[in-house]
């Protein structure tokens, strides 16, 4: 008889497993959850989704962070409506996490400065692209992206760190013997956790 992982029978253990995977995803670039899908509301009211890189996760504060170009659509969208949804999936774990929360934009503060300092030169170069992300081009190569890592610092004015305060986390585990699903809502008074029908 195979043993059942603790996190399939305990709301506390399931949340601890989610936190472990998010910690891993923020620190290990080959972790499956390192590149979640982020959804925002476009300026036209339509949902918009794209893949980002998870840069930090703070379990005690129920917060995570990713980076973007401050000239991007998602930065503009979140400045108008901070509501955000994130989707994480790990096929080996057979686990999905859906996170909903509110974003705070950091461009010219200590959070942005520290995030920039901790970024690799290769990543910093992405913020030096001209014209800005999403601009129309006359042909595929009609943009400038510096390749010399010594030029990495010129992208700093375009860099933005986005912190997400997690309001809810929905967890789904897919198993041949039966799925598991739970919902966690985070409030100042504590965590409201419930099992859901998968």
C-alpha atoms as a PDB file:
ATOM      1  CA  UNK A   1       0.000   0.000   0.000  1.00  0.00           C
ATOM      2  CA  UNK A   2       1.441   3.372  -1.016  1.00  0.00           C
ATOM      3  CA  UNK A   3       1.596   6.111   1.585  1.00  0.00           C
ATOM      4  CA  UNK A   4      -0.408   9.287   1.049  1.00  0.00           C
ATOM      5  CA  UNK A   5       1.557  12.541   1.328  1.00  0.00           C
ATOM      6  CA  UNK A   6       0.566  14.605   4.360  1.00  0.00           C
ATOM      7  CA  UNK A   7      -0.406  17.539   2.179  1.00  0.00           C
ATOM      8  CA  UNK A   8      -3.309  15.559   0.685  1.00  0.00           C
ATOM      9  CA  UNK A   9      -5.014  15.223   4.062  1.00  0.00           C
ATOM     10  CA  UNK A  10      -4.106  18.447   5.855  1.00  0.00           C
ATOM     11  CA  UNK A  11      -4.902  22.048   4.897  1.00  0.00           C
ATOM     12  CA  UNK A  12      -1.868  23.231   6.849  1.00  0.00           C
ATOM     13  CA  UNK A  13       0.450  20.730   5.151  1.00  0.00           C
ATOM     14  CA  UNK A  14      -0.946  21.583   1.707  1.00  0.00           C
ATOM     15  CA  UNK A  15      -0.228  25.280   2.271  1.00  0.00           C
ATOM     16  CA  UNK A  16       3.272  24.441   3.533  1.00  0.00           C
ATOM     17  CA  UNK A  17       3.849  22.442   0.330  1.00  0.00           C
ATOM     18  CA  UNK A  18       2.679  25.412  -1.756  1.00  0.00           C
ATOM     19  CA  UNK A  19       5.058  27.695   0.122  1.00  0.00           C
ATOM     20  CA  UNK A  20       7.932  25.261  -0.414  1.00  0.00           C
ATOM     21  CA  UNK A  21       7.287  25.151  -4.171  1.00  0.00           C
ATOM     22  CA  UNK A  22       7.041  28.949  -4.405  1.00  0.00           C
ATOM     23  CA  UNK A  23      10.288  29.354  -2.430  1.00  0.00           C
ATOM     24  CA  UNK A  24      11.941  26.924  -4.804  1.00  0.00           C
ATOM     25  CA  UNK A  25      10.489  28.681  -7.852  1.00  0.00           C
ATOM     26  CA  UNK A  26      11.820  32.066  -6.755  1.00  0.00           C
ATOM     27  CA  UNK A  27      15.347  30.770  -6.173  1.00  0.00           C
ATOM     28  CA  UNK A  28      15.832  28.123  -8.884  1.00  0.00           C
ATOM     29  CA  UNK A  29      15.531  29.082 -12.547  1.00  0.00           C
ATOM     30  CA  UNK A  30      14.819  25.515 -13.685  1.00  0.00           C
ATOM     31  CA  UNK A  31      11.929  25.068 -11.231  1.00  0.00           C
ATOM     32  CA  UNK A  32       8.643  24.536 -13.124  1.00  0.00           C
ATOM     33  CA  UNK A  33       6.884  27.300 -11.197  1.00  0.00           C
ATOM     34  CA  UNK A  34       9.684  29.817 -11.881  1.00  0.00           C
ATOM     35  CA  UNK A  35       7.704  31.239 -14.825  1.00  0.00           C
ATOM     36  CA  UNK A  36       4.038  31.744 -13.860  1.00  0.00           C
ATOM     37  CA  UNK A  37       1.317  33.269 -16.018  1.00  0.00           C
ATOM     38  CA  UNK A  38       0.219  36.736 -14.852  1.00  0.00           C
ATOM     39  CA  UNK A  39      -3.192  38.142 -15.774  1.00  0.00           C
ATOM     40  CA  UNK A  40      -4.277  41.764 -15.583  1.00  0.00           C
ATOM     41  CA  UNK A  41      -7.169  43.814 -16.910  1.00  0.00           C
ATOM     42  CA  UNK A  42      -6.256  45.692 -20.072  1.00  0.00           C
ATOM     43  CA  UNK A  43      -7.047  49.366 -20.465  1.00  0.00           C
ATOM     44  CA  UNK A  44      -9.901  48.219 -22.731  1.00  0.00           C
ATOM     45  CA  UNK A  45     -11.315  45.995 -19.959  1.00  0.00           C
ATOM     46  CA  UNK A  46     -10.226  42.760 -21.634  1.00  0.00           C
ATOM     47  CA  UNK A  47      -8.159  40.199 -19.659  1.00  0.00           C
ATOM     48  CA  UNK A  48      -4.478  40.077 -20.611  1.00  0.00           C
ATOM     49  CA  UNK A  49      -2.092  37.209 -19.746  1.00  0.00           C
ATOM     50  CA  UNK A  50       1.648  36.724 -20.118  1.00  0.00           C
ATOM     51  CA  UNK A  51       4.509  34.729 -18.608  1.00  0.00           C
ATOM     52  CA  UNK A  52       6.824  36.407 -16.094  1.00  0.00           C
ATOM     53  CA  UNK A  53       9.744  35.254 -13.951  1.00  0.00           C
ATOM     54  CA  UNK A  54       9.108  34.843 -10.218  1.00  0.00           C
ATOM     55  CA  UNK A  55      11.927  36.721  -8.468  1.00  0.00           C
ATOM     56  CA  UNK A  56      10.970  36.545  -4.784  1.00  0.00           C
ATOM     57  CA  UNK A  57       8.500  34.921  -2.422  1.00  0.00           C
ATOM     58  CA  UNK A  58       7.915  35.890   1.207  1.00  0.00           C
ATOM     59  CA  UNK A  59       5.620  33.404   2.972  1.00  0.00           C
ATOM     60  CA  UNK A  60       5.251  35.299   6.294  1.00  0.00           C
ATOM     61  CA  UNK A  61       4.073  38.409   4.412  1.00  0.00           C
ATOM     62  CA  UNK A  62       2.059  36.490   1.780  1.00  0.00           C
ATOM     63  CA  UNK A  63       3.910  38.412  -0.917  1.00  0.00           C
ATOM     64  CA  UNK A  64       5.820  37.698  -4.081  1.00  0.00           C
ATOM     65  CA  UNK A  65       7.667  39.773  -6.661  1.00  0.00           C
ATOM     66  CA  UNK A  66       8.421  39.835 -10.357  1.00  0.00           C
ATOM     67  CA  UNK A  67       9.997  42.464 -12.596  1.00  0.00           C
ATOM     68  CA  UNK A  68       8.880  44.291 -15.727  1.00  0.00           C
ATOM     69  CA  UNK A  69       9.682  47.230 -17.951  1.00  0.00           C
ATOM     70  CA  UNK A  70       7.890  50.293 -16.587  1.00  0.00           C
ATOM     71  CA  UNK A  71       6.948  51.156 -20.197  1.00  0.00           C
ATOM     72  CA  UNK A  72       5.103  47.832 -20.656  1.00  0.00           C
ATOM     73  CA  UNK A  73       1.358  47.311 -20.990  1.00  0.00           C
ATOM     74  CA  UNK A  74       1.196  45.379 -17.717  1.00  0.00           C
ATOM     75  CA  UNK A  75       2.797  48.253 -15.808  1.00  0.00           C
ATOM     76  CA  UNK A  76       0.246  50.666 -17.282  1.00  0.00           C
ATOM     77  CA  UNK A  77      -2.625  48.246 -16.610  1.00  0.00           C
ATOM     78  CA  UNK A  78      -1.629  47.658 -12.990  1.00  0.00           C
ATOM     79  CA  UNK A  79      -1.211  51.384 -12.375  1.00  0.00           C
ATOM     80  CA  UNK A  80      -4.891  51.772 -13.317  1.00  0.00           C
ATOM     81  CA  UNK A  81      -6.202  48.609 -11.623  1.00  0.00           C
ATOM     82  CA  UNK A  82      -3.888  46.788  -9.177  1.00  0.00           C
ATOM     83  CA  UNK A  83      -5.890  43.544  -9.180  1.00  0.00           C
ATOM     84  CA  UNK A  84      -3.794  40.668 -10.466  1.00  0.00           C
ATOM     85  CA  UNK A  85      -4.048  36.903 -10.899  1.00  0.00           C
ATOM     86  CA  UNK A  86      -1.174  34.434 -11.214  1.00  0.00           C
ATOM     87  CA  UNK A  87      -1.177  30.823 -12.379  1.00  0.00           C
ATOM     88  CA  UNK A  88       1.548  28.335 -11.409  1.00  0.00           C
ATOM     89  CA  UNK A  89       1.811  24.706 -12.528  1.00  0.00           C
ATOM     90  CA  UNK A  90       4.280  21.910 -11.817  1.00  0.00           C
ATOM     91  CA  UNK A  91       3.669  18.810 -13.976  1.00  0.00           C
ATOM     92  CA  UNK A  92       5.925  16.557 -11.882  1.00  0.00           C
ATOM     93  CA  UNK A  93       4.077  17.548  -8.701  1.00  0.00           C
ATOM     94  CA  UNK A  94       0.745  17.426 -10.568  1.00  0.00           C
ATOM     95  CA  UNK A  95      -0.003  20.671  -8.795  1.00  0.00           C
ATOM     96  CA  UNK A  96      -1.637  23.937  -9.846  1.00  0.00           C
ATOM     97  CA  UNK A  97      -1.789  27.145  -7.819  1.00  0.00           C
ATOM     98  CA  UNK A  98      -3.967  30.130  -8.650  1.00  0.00           C
ATOM     99  CA  UNK A  99      -3.140  33.318  -6.783  1.00  0.00           C
ATOM    100  CA  UNK A 100      -5.213  36.488  -6.633  1.00  0.00           C
ATOM    101  CA  UNK A 101      -4.031  39.700  -5.058  1.00  0.00           C
ATOM    102  CA  UNK A 102      -3.105  43.327  -5.478  1.00  0.00           C
ATOM    103  CA  UNK A 103       0.036  44.682  -7.084  1.00  0.00           C
ATOM    104  CA  UNK A 104       2.231  47.517  -5.874  1.00  0.00           C
ATOM    105  CA  UNK A 105       4.547  49.102  -8.439  1.00  0.00           C
ATOM    106  CA  UNK A 106       8.114  50.007  -7.465  1.00  0.00           C
ATOM    107  CA  UNK A 107      10.232  52.131  -9.799  1.00  0.00           C
ATOM    108  CA  UNK A 108      12.135  54.680  -7.743  1.00  0.00           C
ATOM    109  CA  UNK A 109      12.227  53.267  -4.232  1.00  0.00           C
ATOM    110  CA  UNK A 110      14.422  50.970  -2.150  1.00  0.00           C
ATOM    111  CA  UNK A 111      12.524  47.851  -3.229  1.00  0.00           C
ATOM    112  CA  UNK A 112      13.228  48.633  -6.886  1.00  0.00           C
ATOM    113  CA  UNK A 113      16.841  49.583  -6.126  1.00  0.00           C
ATOM    114  CA  UNK A 114      17.471  46.318  -4.261  1.00  0.00           C
ATOM    115  CA  UNK A 115      15.742  44.264  -6.966  1.00  0.00           C
ATOM    116  CA  UNK A 116      17.890  45.965  -9.617  1.00  0.00           C
ATOM    117  CA  UNK A 117      21.099  45.391  -7.639  1.00  0.00           C
ATOM    118  CA  UNK A 118      20.290  41.693  -7.272  1.00  0.00           C
ATOM    119  CA  UNK A 119      19.544  41.228 -10.997  1.00  0.00           C
ATOM    120  CA  UNK A 120      22.091  39.711 -13.347  1.00  0.00           C
ATOM    121  CA  UNK A 121      23.600  41.859 -16.102  1.00  0.00           C
ATOM    122  CA  UNK A 122      21.972  39.602 -18.709  1.00  0.00           C
ATOM    123  CA  UNK A 123      18.541  40.379 -17.223  1.00  0.00           C
ATOM    124  CA  UNK A 124      19.259  44.098 -16.893  1.00  0.00           C
ATOM    125  CA  UNK A 125      19.943  44.382 -20.612  1.00  0.00           C
ATOM    126  CA  UNK A 126      16.284  43.575 -21.352  1.00  0.00           C
ATOM    127  CA  UNK A 127      15.276  46.958 -19.908  1.00  0.00           C
ATOM    128  CA  UNK A 128      17.526  48.856 -22.349  1.00  0.00           C
ATOM    129  CA  UNK A 129      15.407  47.946 -25.394  1.00  0.00           C
ATOM    130  CA  UNK A 130      14.465  50.824 -27.692  1.00  0.00           C
ATOM    131  CA  UNK A 131      11.746  51.512 -28.697  1.00  0.00           C
ATOM    132  CA  UNK A 132       9.687  50.361 -25.684  1.00  0.00           C
ATOM    133  CA  UNK A 133       8.041  46.929 -25.392  1.00  0.00           C
ATOM    134  CA  UNK A 134       4.954  46.542 -27.561  1.00  0.00           C
ATOM    135  CA  UNK A 135       5.863  49.353 -29.993  1.00  0.00           C
ATOM    136  CA  UNK A 136       5.000  48.716 -33.635  1.00  0.00           C
ATOM    137  CA  UNK A 137       7.976  47.882 -35.863  1.00  0.00           C
ATOM    138  CA  UNK A 138       8.512  48.286 -39.597  1.00  0.00           C
ATOM    139  CA  UNK A 139      10.288  44.899 -39.647  1.00  0.00           C
ATOM    140  CA  UNK A 140      11.312  42.158 -37.186  1.00  0.00           C
ATOM    141  CA  UNK A 141      14.742  43.625 -36.337  1.00  0.00           C
ATOM    142  CA  UNK A 142      13.826  47.321 -36.125  1.00  0.00           C
ATOM    143  CA  UNK A 143      14.708  47.641 -32.446  1.00  0.00           C
ATOM    144  CA  UNK A 144      17.882  48.070 -30.427  1.00  0.00           C
ATOM    145  CA  UNK A 145      18.845  45.716 -27.607  1.00  0.00           C
ATOM    146  CA  UNK A 146      22.380  46.213 -26.266  1.00  0.00           C
ATOM    147  CA  UNK A 147      24.411  43.004 -26.044  1.00  0.00           C
ATOM    148  CA  UNK A 148      27.407  44.324 -24.125  1.00  0.00           C
ATOM    149  CA  UNK A 149      26.938  43.528 -20.440  1.00  0.00           C
ATOM    150  CA  UNK A 150      28.891  46.674 -19.596  1.00  0.00           C
ATOM    151  CA  UNK A 151      25.882  48.625 -20.910  1.00  0.00           C
ATOM    152  CA  UNK A 152      23.448  46.885 -18.540  1.00  0.00           C
ATOM    153  CA  UNK A 153      23.017  49.882 -16.227  1.00  0.00           C
ATOM    154  CA  UNK A 154      21.450  52.064 -18.924  1.00  0.00           C
ATOM    155  CA  UNK A 155      18.180  50.149 -18.524  1.00  0.00           C
ATOM    156  CA  UNK A 156      17.653  51.155 -14.885  1.00  0.00           C
ATOM    157  CA  UNK A 157      15.205  54.039 -15.639  1.00  0.00           C
ATOM    158  CA  UNK A 158      12.917  51.504 -17.367  1.00  0.00           C
ATOM    159  CA  UNK A 159      13.044  48.883 -14.621  1.00  0.00           C
ATOM    160  CA  UNK A 160      10.091  48.168 -12.336  1.00  0.00           C
ATOM    161  CA  UNK A 161       9.635  45.658  -9.526  1.00  0.00           C
ATOM    162  CA  UNK A 162       6.058  44.520  -8.934  1.00  0.00           C
ATOM    163  CA  UNK A 163       5.121  43.250  -5.486  1.00  0.00           C
ATOM    164  CA  UNK A 164       1.976  41.180  -5.158  1.00  0.00           C
ATOM    165  CA  UNK A 165       0.123  41.012  -1.869  1.00  0.00           C
ATOM    166  CA  UNK A 166      -1.599  37.626  -1.965  1.00  0.00           C
ATOM    167  CA  UNK A 167      -5.276  37.783  -0.999  1.00  0.00           C
ATOM    168  CA  UNK A 168      -6.195  34.227  -2.022  1.00  0.00           C
ATOM    169  CA  UNK A 169      -4.434  31.034  -3.071  1.00  0.00           C
ATOM    170  CA  UNK A 170      -6.329  28.147  -4.633  1.00  0.00           C
ATOM    171  CA  UNK A 171      -4.475  24.828  -4.737  1.00  0.00           C
ATOM    172  CA  UNK A 172      -5.274  21.832  -6.931  1.00  0.00           C
ATOM    173  CA  UNK A 173      -3.499  18.471  -6.883  1.00  0.00           C
ATOM    174  CA  UNK A 174      -4.240  15.973  -9.649  1.00  0.00           C
ATOM    175  CA  UNK A 175      -4.021  12.309  -8.697  1.00  0.00           C
ATOM    176  CA  UNK A 176      -5.196   9.067 -10.280  1.00  0.00           C
ATOM    177  CA  UNK A 177      -6.749   8.015  -6.983  1.00  0.00           C
ATOM    178  CA  UNK A 178      -8.597  11.285  -6.498  1.00  0.00           C
ATOM    179  CA  UNK A 179      -7.810  14.974  -6.797  1.00  0.00           C
ATOM    180  CA  UNK A 180      -7.537  17.458  -3.917  1.00  0.00           C
ATOM    181  CA  UNK A 181      -8.425  21.140  -3.955  1.00  0.00           C
ATOM    182  CA  UNK A 182      -8.308  23.844  -1.305  1.00  0.00           C
ATOM    183  CA  UNK A 183      -8.792  27.588  -1.002  1.00  0.00           C
ATOM    184  CA  UNK A 184      -6.865  29.899   1.329  1.00  0.00           C
ATOM    185  CA  UNK A 185      -7.922  33.493   1.957  1.00  0.00           C
ATOM    186  CA  UNK A 186      -5.422  35.703   3.765  1.00  0.00           C
ATOM    187  CA  UNK A 187      -6.689  38.447   6.054  1.00  0.00           C
ATOM    188  CA  UNK A 188      -5.112  40.506   8.822  1.00  0.00           C
ATOM    189  CA  UNK A 189      -6.991  38.351  11.313  1.00  0.00           C
ATOM    190  CA  UNK A 190      -5.482  35.132   9.906  1.00  0.00           C
ATOM    191  CA  UNK A 191      -6.014  32.499   7.237  1.00  0.00           C
ATOM    192  CA  UNK A 192      -9.412  31.191   6.218  1.00  0.00           C
ATOM    193  CA  UNK A 193      -8.826  27.723   4.694  1.00  0.00           C
ATOM    194  CA  UNK A 194     -11.373  25.365   3.141  1.00  0.00           C
ATOM    195  CA  UNK A 195     -11.402  22.150   1.147  1.00  0.00           C
ATOM    196  CA  UNK A 196     -13.173  22.408  -2.213  1.00  0.00           C
ATOM    197  CA  UNK A 197     -14.606  19.838  -4.595  1.00  0.00           C
ATOM    198  CA  UNK A 198     -11.840  19.234  -7.185  1.00  0.00           C
END
